[in-house]
Amino acid sequence: ARAEIQHLAKEVSSIKEEQTNAIELRNRKVEGAAKPKEVGKSKTSKERDNPTKATSEGEENVEEEPTAHDSPPAVSTPPPVYITAKPQAIVAP
């Protein structure tokens, strides 16, 4: 019985390690997704300082937005689902 308890204790500790690793990996993905947004915010503060550069950097921001949304797969929206009516079979008598 003690050996079984020790075995279960080892399994619990290994499961806790796996959970910790999974949480760290998730946090890395979240931080990676948050960084492009911070870069965009810093550019907007630069735009406020230099109105002449605002137009050129504003165009760059338009190009960067799709890449920022494409990188985190959890944020992307699923494709729309189209429901079509099934054709009814005509049975001739």
PDB file of N, CA and C in Angstrom:
ATOM      1  N   ALA A   1       0.824  -1.191   0.000  1.00  0.00           N
ATOM      2  CA  ALA A   1       0.000   0.000   0.000  1.00  0.00           C
ATOM      3  C   ALA A   1       0.871   1.258   0.000  1.00  0.00           C
ATOM      4  N   ARG A   2       1.965   1.249   0.766  1.00  0.00           N
ATOM      5  CA  ARG A   2       2.846   2.413   0.803  1.00  0.00           C
ATOM      6  C   ARG A   2       3.520   2.623  -0.547  1.00  0.00           C
ATOM      7  N   ALA A   3       3.897   1.540  -1.189  1.00  0.00           N
ATOM      8  CA  ALA A   3       4.530   1.660  -2.501  1.00  0.00           C
ATOM      9  C   ALA A   3       3.556   2.278  -3.493  1.00  0.00           C
ATOM     10  N   GLU A   4       2.290   1.887  -3.395  1.00  0.00           N
ATOM     11  CA  GLU A   4       1.268   2.443  -4.284  1.00  0.00           C
ATOM     12  C   GLU A   4       1.075   3.938  -4.009  1.00  0.00           C
ATOM     13  N   ILE A   5       1.090   4.314  -2.748  1.00  0.00           N
ATOM     14  CA  ILE A   5       0.945   5.727  -2.385  1.00  0.00           C
ATOM     15  C   ILE A   5       2.133   6.531  -2.912  1.00  0.00           C
ATOM     16  N   GLN A   6       3.334   5.975  -2.779  1.00  0.00           N
ATOM     17  CA  GLN A   6       4.517   6.667  -3.289  1.00  0.00           C
ATOM     18  C   GLN A   6       4.446   6.807  -4.807  1.00  0.00           C
ATOM     19  N   HIS A   7       3.983   5.749  -5.463  1.00  0.00           N
ATOM     20  CA  HIS A   7       3.846   5.788  -6.924  1.00  0.00           C
ATOM     21  C   HIS A   7       2.848   6.872  -7.335  1.00  0.00           C
ATOM     22  N   LEU A   8       1.715   6.931  -6.636  1.00  0.00           N
ATOM     23  CA  LEU A   8       0.713   7.953  -6.946  1.00  0.00           C
ATOM     24  C   LEU A   8       1.241   9.357  -6.652  1.00  0.00           C
ATOM     25  N   ALA A   9       2.031   9.503  -5.604  1.00  0.00           N
ATOM     26  CA  ALA A   9       2.609  10.805  -5.278  1.00  0.00           C
ATOM     27  C   ALA A   9       3.553  11.263  -6.388  1.00  0.00           C
ATOM     28  N   LYS A  10       4.322  10.323  -6.942  1.00  0.00           N
ATOM     29  CA  LYS A  10       5.213  10.661  -8.056  1.00  0.00           C
ATOM     30  C   LYS A  10       4.406  11.071  -9.284  1.00  0.00           C
ATOM     31  N   GLU A  11       3.309  10.379  -9.541  1.00  0.00           N
ATOM     32  CA  GLU A  11       2.465  10.727 -10.689  1.00  0.00           C
ATOM     33  C   GLU A  11       1.873  12.122 -10.517  1.00  0.00           C
ATOM     34  N   VAL A  12       1.431  12.427  -9.301  1.00  0.00           N
ATOM     35  CA  VAL A  12       0.857  13.749  -9.037  1.00  0.00           C
ATOM     36  C   VAL A  12       1.908  14.834  -9.263  1.00  0.00           C
ATOM     37  N   SER A  13       3.125  14.593  -8.791  1.00  0.00           N
ATOM     38  CA  SER A  13       4.167  15.610  -8.976  1.00  0.00           C
ATOM     39  C   SER A  13       4.510  15.779 -10.454  1.00  0.00           C
ATOM     40  N   SER A  14       4.524  14.685 -11.218  1.00  0.00           N
ATOM     41  CA  SER A  14       4.819  14.810 -12.647  1.00  0.00           C
ATOM     42  C   SER A  14       3.684  15.528 -13.374  1.00  0.00           C
ATOM     43  N   ILE A  15       2.451  15.285 -12.954  1.00  0.00           N
ATOM     44  CA  ILE A  15       1.309  15.983 -13.558  1.00  0.00           C
ATOM     45  C   ILE A  15       1.388  17.476 -13.242  1.00  0.00           C
ATOM     46  N   LYS A  16       1.769  17.817 -12.018  1.00  0.00           N
ATOM     47  CA  LYS A  16       1.903  19.229 -11.653  1.00  0.00           C
ATOM     48  C   LYS A  16       2.987  19.896 -12.494  1.00  0.00           C
ATOM     49  N   GLU A  17       4.092  19.178 -12.751  1.00  0.00           N
ATOM     50  CA  GLU A  17       5.155  19.727 -13.593  1.00  0.00           C
ATOM     51  C   GLU A  17       4.642  19.963 -15.011  1.00  0.00           C
ATOM     52  N   GLU A  18       3.877  19.011 -15.537  1.00  0.00           N
ATOM     53  CA  GLU A  18       3.321  19.169 -16.880  1.00  0.00           C
ATOM     54  C   GLU A  18       2.379  20.368 -16.936  1.00  0.00           C
ATOM     55  N   GLN A  19       1.560  20.530 -15.907  1.00  0.00           N
ATOM     56  CA  GLN A  19       0.650  21.678 -15.865  1.00  0.00           C
ATOM     57  C   GLN A  19       1.430  22.988 -15.820  1.00  0.00           C
ATOM     58  N   THR A  20       2.492  23.015 -15.029  1.00  0.00           N
ATOM     59  CA  THR A  20       3.313  24.217 -14.930  1.00  0.00           C
ATOM     60  C   THR A  20       3.938  24.540 -16.281  1.00  0.00           C
ATOM     61  N   ASN A  21       4.452  23.511 -16.959  1.00  0.00           N
ATOM     62  CA  ASN A  21       5.047  23.727 -18.277  1.00  0.00           C
ATOM     63  C   ASN A  21       4.006  24.215 -19.269  1.00  0.00           C
ATOM     64  N   ALA A  22       2.811  23.658 -19.214  1.00  0.00           N
ATOM     65  CA  ALA A  22       1.749  24.078 -20.126  1.00  0.00           C
ATOM     66  C   ALA A  22       1.358  25.528 -19.863  1.00  0.00           C
ATOM     67  N   ILE A  23       1.289  25.909 -18.603  1.00  0.00           N
ATOM     68  CA  ILE A  23       0.942  27.289 -18.260  1.00  0.00           C
ATOM     69  C   ILE A  23       2.029  28.241 -18.742  1.00  0.00           C
ATOM     70  N   GLU A  24       3.293  27.862 -18.558  1.00  0.00           N
ATOM     71  CA  GLU A  24       4.391  28.711 -19.025  1.00  0.00           C
ATOM     72  C   GLU A  24       4.350  28.858 -20.539  1.00  0.00           C
ATOM     73  N   LEU A  25       4.082  27.775 -21.246  1.00  0.00           N
ATOM     74  CA  LEU A  25       3.999  27.834 -22.698  1.00  0.00           C
ATOM     75  C   LEU A  25       2.851  28.732 -23.128  1.00  0.00           C
ATOM     76  N   ARG A  26       1.712  28.607 -22.464  1.00  0.00           N
ATOM     77  CA  ARG A  26       0.567  29.462 -22.782  1.00  0.00           C
ATOM     78  C   ARG A  26       0.909  30.923 -22.532  1.00  0.00           C
ATOM     79  N   ASN A  27       1.589  31.202 -21.426  1.00  0.00           N
ATOM     80  CA  ASN A  27       1.958  32.579 -21.111  1.00  0.00           C
ATOM     81  C   ASN A  27       2.922  33.136 -22.143  1.00  0.00           C
ATOM     82  N   ARG A  28       3.830  32.316 -22.646  1.00  0.00           N
ATOM     83  CA  ARG A  28       4.742  32.778 -23.695  1.00  0.00           C
ATOM     84  C   ARG A  28       3.963  33.159 -24.938  1.00  0.00           C
ATOM     85  N   LYS A  29       2.972  32.353 -25.297  1.00  0.00           N
ATOM     86  CA  LYS A  29       2.169  32.654 -26.480  1.00  0.00           C
ATOM     87  C   LYS A  29       1.389  33.941 -26.273  1.00  0.00           C
ATOM     88  N   VAL A  30       0.862  34.151 -25.078  1.00  0.00           N
ATOM     89  CA  VAL A  30       0.099  35.363 -24.788  1.00  0.00           C
ATOM     90  C   VAL A  30       1.022  36.575 -24.836  1.00  0.00           C
ATOM     91  N   GLU A  31       2.225  36.463 -24.262  1.00  0.00           N
ATOM     92  CA  GLU A  31       3.171  37.570 -24.293  1.00  0.00           C
ATOM     93  C   GLU A  31       3.589  37.867 -25.724  1.00  0.00           C
ATOM     94  N   GLY A  32       3.803  36.852 -26.533  1.00  0.00           N
ATOM     95  CA  GLY A  32       4.178  37.046 -27.933  1.00  0.00           C
ATOM     96  C   GLY A  32       3.083  37.747 -28.704  1.00  0.00           C
ATOM     97  N   ALA A  33       1.846  37.452 -28.385  1.00  0.00           N
ATOM     98  CA  ALA A  33       0.729  38.106 -29.067  1.00  0.00           C
ATOM     99  C   ALA A  33       0.577  39.540 -28.583  1.00  0.00           C
ATOM    100  N   ALA A  34       0.947  39.821 -27.352  1.00  0.00           N
ATOM    101  CA  ALA A  34       0.791  41.170 -26.812  1.00  0.00           C
ATOM    102  C   ALA A  34       1.886  42.107 -27.298  1.00  0.00           C
ATOM    103  N   LYS A  35       3.060  41.593 -27.623  1.00  0.00           N
ATOM    104  CA  LYS A  35       4.170  42.449 -28.031  1.00  0.00           C
ATOM    105  C   LYS A  35       3.881  43.246 -29.300  1.00  0.00           C
ATOM    106  N   PRO A  36       3.335  42.669 -30.375  1.00  0.00           N
ATOM    107  CA  PRO A  36       3.058  43.497 -31.554  1.00  0.00           C
ATOM    108  C   PRO A  36       2.112  44.646 -31.251  1.00  0.00           C
ATOM    109  N   LYS A  37       1.175  44.440 -30.344  1.00  0.00           N
ATOM    110  CA  LYS A  37       0.253  45.513 -29.986  1.00  0.00           C
ATOM    111  C   LYS A  37       1.009  46.642 -29.293  1.00  0.00           C
ATOM    112  N   GLU A  38       1.989  46.303 -28.438  1.00  0.00           N
ATOM    113  CA  GLU A  38       2.769  47.329 -27.763  1.00  0.00           C
ATOM    114  C   GLU A  38       3.585  48.119 -28.773  1.00  0.00           C
ATOM    115  N   VAL A  39       4.118  47.456 -29.792  1.00  0.00           N
ATOM    116  CA  VAL A  39       4.877  48.139 -30.829  1.00  0.00           C
ATOM    117  C   VAL A  39       3.971  49.119 -31.550  1.00  0.00           C
ATOM    118  N   GLY A  40       2.741  48.717 -31.825  1.00  0.00           N
ATOM    119  CA  GLY A  40       1.787  49.605 -32.484  1.00  0.00           C
ATOM    120  C   GLY A  40       1.489  50.817 -31.620  1.00  0.00           C
ATOM    121  N   LYS A  41       1.400  50.624 -30.318  1.00  0.00           N
ATOM    122  CA  LYS A  41       1.128  51.740 -29.418  1.00  0.00           C
ATOM    123  C   LYS A  41       2.303  52.710 -29.401  1.00  0.00           C
ATOM    124  N   SER A  42       3.531  52.185 -29.449  1.00  0.00           N
ATOM    125  CA  SER A  42       4.678  53.078 -29.435  1.00  0.00           C
ATOM    126  C   SER A  42       4.729  53.901 -30.716  1.00  0.00           C
ATOM    127  N   LYS A  43       4.319  53.329 -31.831  1.00  0.00           N
ATOM    128  CA  LYS A  43       4.299  54.086 -33.081  1.00  0.00           C
ATOM    129  C   LYS A  43       3.261  55.193 -33.026  1.00  0.00           C
ATOM    130  N   THR A  44       2.135  54.934 -32.376  1.00  0.00           N
ATOM    131  CA  THR A  44       1.121  55.981 -32.296  1.00  0.00           C
ATOM    132  C   THR A  44       1.628  57.137 -31.445  1.00  0.00           C
ATOM    133  N   SER A  45       2.432  56.868 -30.426  1.00  0.00           N
ATOM    134  CA  SER A  45       2.980  57.963 -29.631  1.00  0.00           C
ATOM    135  C   SER A  45       3.981  58.757 -30.458  1.00  0.00           C
ATOM    136  N   LYS A  46       4.725  58.094 -31.342  1.00  0.00           N
ATOM    137  CA  LYS A  46       5.644  58.801 -32.233  1.00  0.00           C
ATOM    138  C   LYS A  46       4.866  59.656 -33.220  1.00  0.00           C
ATOM    139  N   GLU A  47       3.727  59.154 -33.672  1.00  0.00           N
ATOM    140  CA  GLU A  47       2.920  59.913 -34.618  1.00  0.00           C
ATOM    141  C   GLU A  47       2.448  61.222 -33.991  1.00  0.00           C
ATOM    142  N   ARG A  48       2.167  61.204 -32.727  1.00  0.00           N
ATOM    143  CA  ARG A  48       1.716  62.424 -32.051  1.00  0.00           C
ATOM    144  C   ARG A  48       2.836  63.458 -32.007  1.00  0.00           C
ATOM    145  N   ASP A  49       4.089  62.988 -31.858  1.00  0.00           N
ATOM    146  CA  ASP A  49       5.217  63.906 -31.792  1.00  0.00           C
ATOM    147  C   ASP A  49       5.526  64.519 -33.155  1.00  0.00           C
ATOM    148  N   ASN A  50       5.509  63.714 -34.206  1.00  0.00           N
ATOM    149  CA  ASN A  50       5.847  64.179 -35.547  1.00  0.00           C
ATOM    150  C   ASN A  50       4.659  63.994 -36.478  1.00  0.00           C
ATOM    151  N   PRO A  51       3.891  65.031 -36.732  1.00  0.00           N
ATOM    152  CA  PRO A  51       2.727  64.877 -37.615  1.00  0.00           C
ATOM    153  C   PRO A  51       3.119  64.572 -39.056  1.00  0.00           C
ATOM    154  N   THR A  52       4.329  64.940 -39.495  1.00  0.00           N
ATOM    155  CA  THR A  52       4.744  64.642 -40.868  1.00  0.00           C
ATOM    156  C   THR A  52       5.009  63.155 -41.041  1.00  0.00           C
ATOM    157  N   LYS A  53       5.523  62.507 -40.013  1.00  0.00           N
ATOM    158  CA  LYS A  53       5.774  61.069 -40.091  1.00  0.00           C
ATOM    159  C   LYS A  53       4.503  60.255 -39.863  1.00  0.00           C
ATOM    160  N   ALA A  54       3.480  60.876 -39.360  1.00  0.00           N
ATOM    161  CA  ALA A  54       2.247  60.159 -39.038  1.00  0.00           C
ATOM    162  C   ALA A  54       1.639  59.524 -40.277  1.00  0.00           C
ATOM    163  N   THR A  55       1.720  60.199 -41.410  1.00  0.00           N
ATOM    164  CA  THR A  55       1.107  59.629 -42.614  1.00  0.00           C
ATOM    165  C   THR A  55       1.879  58.412 -43.088  1.00  0.00           C
ATOM    166  N   SER A  56       3.213  58.473 -43.073  1.00  0.00           N
ATOM    167  CA  SER A  56       3.979  57.321 -43.549  1.00  0.00           C
ATOM    168  C   SER A  56       3.870  56.157 -42.567  1.00  0.00           C
ATOM    169  N   GLU A  57       3.928  56.434 -41.266  1.00  0.00           N
ATOM    170  CA  GLU A  57       3.817  55.355 -40.293  1.00  0.00           C
ATOM    171  C   GLU A  57       2.395  54.838 -40.213  1.00  0.00           C
ATOM    172  N   GLY A  58       1.432  55.684 -40.485  1.00  0.00           N
ATOM    173  CA  GLY A  58       0.048  55.245 -40.489  1.00  0.00           C
ATOM    174  C   GLY A  58      -0.181  54.200 -41.570  1.00  0.00           C
ATOM    175  N   GLU A  59       0.468  54.364 -42.716  1.00  0.00           N
ATOM    176  CA  GLU A  59       0.347  53.368 -43.785  1.00  0.00           C
ATOM    177  C   GLU A  59       0.988  52.054 -43.359  1.00  0.00           C
ATOM    178  N   GLU A  60       2.104  52.129 -42.628  1.00  0.00           N
ATOM    179  CA  GLU A  60       2.757  50.908 -42.159  1.00  0.00           C
ATOM    180  C   GLU A  60       1.868  50.168 -41.170  1.00  0.00           C
ATOM    181  N   ASN A  61       1.173  50.899 -40.322  1.00  0.00           N
ATOM    182  CA  ASN A  61       0.299  50.253 -39.348  1.00  0.00           C
ATOM    183  C   ASN A  61      -0.804  49.471 -40.038  1.00  0.00           C
ATOM    184  N   VAL A  62      -1.288  49.960 -41.167  1.00  0.00           N
ATOM    185  CA  VAL A  62      -2.340  49.254 -41.889  1.00  0.00           C
ATOM    186  C   VAL A  62      -1.808  47.912 -42.375  1.00  0.00           C
ATOM    187  N   GLU A  63      -0.548  47.879 -42.804  1.00  0.00           N
ATOM    188  CA  GLU A  63       0.029  46.625 -43.277  1.00  0.00           C
ATOM    189  C   GLU A  63       0.313  45.669 -42.125  1.00  0.00           C
ATOM    190  N   GLU A  64       0.650  46.196 -40.960  1.00  0.00           N
ATOM    191  CA  GLU A  64       1.014  45.337 -39.836  1.00  0.00           C
ATOM    192  C   GLU A  64      -0.191  44.725 -39.139  1.00  0.00           C
ATOM    193  N   GLU A  65      -1.346  45.343 -39.241  1.00  0.00           N
ATOM    194  CA  GLU A  65      -2.508  44.822 -38.521  1.00  0.00           C
ATOM    195  C   GLU A  65      -2.850  43.381 -38.890  1.00  0.00           C
ATOM    196  N   PRO A  66      -2.895  43.001 -40.185  1.00  0.00           N
ATOM    197  CA  PRO A  66      -3.236  41.608 -40.485  1.00  0.00           C
ATOM    198  C   PRO A  66      -2.219  40.624 -39.914  1.00  0.00           C
ATOM    199  N   THR A  67      -0.918  40.962 -39.925  1.00  0.00           N
ATOM    200  CA  THR A  67       0.073  40.038 -39.395  1.00  0.00           C
ATOM    201  C   THR A  67      -0.077  39.890 -37.889  1.00  0.00           C
ATOM    202  N   ALA A  68      -0.434  40.951 -37.200  1.00  0.00           N
ATOM    203  CA  ALA A  68      -0.608  40.859 -35.754  1.00  0.00           C
ATOM    204  C   ALA A  68      -1.786  39.963 -35.409  1.00  0.00           C
ATOM    205  N   HIS A  69      -2.825  39.990 -36.237  1.00  0.00           N
ATOM    206  CA  HIS A  69      -3.993  39.160 -35.959  1.00  0.00           C
ATOM    207  C   HIS A  69      -3.786  37.727 -36.420  1.00  0.00           C
ATOM    208  N   ASP A  70      -2.910  37.494 -37.396  1.00  0.00           N
ATOM    209  CA  ASP A  70      -2.701  36.141 -37.895  1.00  0.00           C
ATOM    210  C   ASP A  70      -1.786  35.328 -36.982  1.00  0.00           C
ATOM    211  N   SER A  71      -0.869  35.947 -36.247  1.00  0.00           N
ATOM    212  CA  SER A  71       0.096  35.199 -35.460  1.00  0.00           C
ATOM    213  C   SER A  71      -0.521  34.413 -34.306  1.00  0.00           C
ATOM    214  N   PRO A  72      -1.438  34.938 -33.498  1.00  0.00           N
ATOM    215  CA  PRO A  72      -2.000  34.091 -32.445  1.00  0.00           C
ATOM    216  C   PRO A  72      -3.176  33.272 -32.966  1.00  0.00           C
ATOM    217  N   PRO A  73      -3.031  31.956 -33.047  1.00  0.00           N
ATOM    218  CA  PRO A  73      -4.122  31.144 -33.590  1.00  0.00           C
ATOM    219  C   PRO A  73      -5.359  31.149 -32.700  1.00  0.00           C
ATOM    220  N   ALA A  74      -5.215  31.380 -31.420  1.00  0.00           N
ATOM    221  CA  ALA A  74      -6.374  31.366 -30.532  1.00  0.00           C
ATOM    222  C   ALA A  74      -7.282  32.568 -30.776  1.00  0.00           C
ATOM    223  N   VAL A  75      -6.734  33.665 -31.281  1.00  0.00           N
ATOM    224  CA  VAL A  75      -7.513  34.877 -31.478  1.00  0.00           C
ATOM    225  C   VAL A  75      -8.272  34.829 -32.794  1.00  0.00           C
ATOM    226  N   SER A  76      -7.747  34.080 -33.769  1.00  0.00           N
ATOM    227  CA  SER A  76      -8.376  34.076 -35.089  1.00  0.00           C
ATOM    228  C   SER A  76      -9.791  33.511 -35.016  1.00  0.00           C
ATOM    229  N   THR A  77     -10.672  34.070 -35.840  1.00  0.00           N
ATOM    230  CA  THR A  77     -12.060  33.628 -35.842  1.00  0.00           C
ATOM    231  C   THR A  77     -12.234  32.475 -36.816  1.00  0.00           C
ATOM    232  N   PRO A  78     -13.114  31.546 -36.518  1.00  0.00           N
ATOM    233  CA  PRO A  78     -13.327  30.424 -37.430  1.00  0.00           C
ATOM    234  C   PRO A  78     -14.035  30.901 -38.690  1.00  0.00           C
ATOM    235  N   PRO A  79     -13.886  30.176 -39.788  1.00  0.00           N
ATOM    236  CA  PRO A  79     -14.567  30.583 -41.015  1.00  0.00           C
ATOM    237  C   PRO A  79     -16.078  30.492 -40.839  1.00  0.00           C
ATOM    238  N   PRO A  80     -16.820  31.324 -41.555  1.00  0.00           N
ATOM    239  CA  PRO A  80     -18.276  31.299 -41.397  1.00  0.00           C
ATOM    240  C   PRO A  80     -18.867  29.981 -41.876  1.00  0.00           C
ATOM    241  N   VAL A  81     -19.909  29.569 -41.218  1.00  0.00           N
ATOM    242  CA  VAL A  81     -20.582  28.323 -41.574  1.00  0.00           C
ATOM    243  C   VAL A  81     -21.829  28.681 -42.372  1.00  0.00           C
ATOM    244  N   TYR A  82     -21.918  28.119 -43.566  1.00  0.00           N
ATOM    245  CA  TYR A  82     -23.069  28.381 -44.417  1.00  0.00           C
ATOM    246  C   TYR A  82     -24.015  27.187 -44.356  1.00  0.00           C
ATOM    247  N   ILE A  83     -25.258  27.454 -44.070  1.00  0.00           N
ATOM    248  CA  ILE A  83     -26.252  26.387 -44.008  1.00  0.00           C
ATOM    249  C   ILE A  83     -27.076  26.463 -45.285  1.00  0.00           C
ATOM    250  N   THR A  84     -27.025  25.387 -46.042  1.00  0.00           N
ATOM    251  CA  THR A  84     -27.800  25.353 -47.285  1.00  0.00           C
ATOM    252  C   THR A  84     -28.893  24.310 -47.140  1.00  0.00           C
ATOM    253  N   ALA A  85     -30.022  24.587 -47.738  1.00  0.00           N
ATOM    254  CA  ALA A  85     -31.136  23.640 -47.683  1.00  0.00           C
ATOM    255  C   ALA A  85     -30.812  22.451 -48.580  1.00  0.00           C
ATOM    256  N   LYS A  86     -31.103  21.268 -48.088  1.00  0.00           N
ATOM    257  CA  LYS A  86     -30.857  20.068 -48.886  1.00  0.00           C
ATOM    258  C   LYS A  86     -31.945  19.957 -49.953  1.00  0.00           C
ATOM    259  N   PRO A  87     -31.556  19.641 -51.188  1.00  0.00           N
ATOM    260  CA  PRO A  87     -32.573  19.504 -52.239  1.00  0.00           C
ATOM    261  C   PRO A  87     -33.467  18.296 -51.954  1.00  0.00           C
ATOM    262  N   GLN A  88     -34.730  18.499 -52.154  1.00  0.00           N
ATOM    263  CA  GLN A  88     -35.668  17.407 -51.913  1.00  0.00           C
ATOM    264  C   GLN A  88     -35.767  16.551 -53.172  1.00  0.00           C
ATOM    265  N   ALA A  89     -35.739  15.270 -52.971  1.00  0.00           N
ATOM    266  CA  ALA A  89     -35.844  14.358 -54.107  1.00  0.00           C
ATOM    267  C   ALA A  89     -37.300  14.268 -54.558  1.00  0.00           C
ATOM    268  N   ILE A  90     -37.494  14.380 -55.857  1.00  0.00           N
ATOM    269  CA  ILE A  90     -38.849  14.274 -56.412  1.00  0.00           C
ATOM    270  C   ILE A  90     -39.054  12.829 -56.844  1.00  0.00           C
ATOM    271  N   VAL A  91     -40.047  12.219 -56.263  1.00  0.00           N
ATOM    272  CA  VAL A  91     -40.320  10.817 -56.573  1.00  0.00           C
ATOM    273  C   VAL A  91     -41.488  10.768 -57.549  1.00  0.00           C
ATOM    274  N   ALA A  92     -41.226  10.192 -58.736  1.00  0.00           N
ATOM    275  CA  ALA A  92     -42.295  10.073 -59.740  1.00  0.00           C
ATOM    276  C   ALA A  92     -43.134   8.840 -59.432  1.00  0.00           C
ATOM    277  N   PRO A  93     -44.461   8.941 -59.553  1.00  0.00           N
ATOM    278  CA  PRO A  93     -45.324   7.795 -59.241  1.00  0.00           C
ATOM    279  C   PRO A  93     -45.231   6.692 -60.287  1.00  0.00           C
TER     280      PRO A  93
END
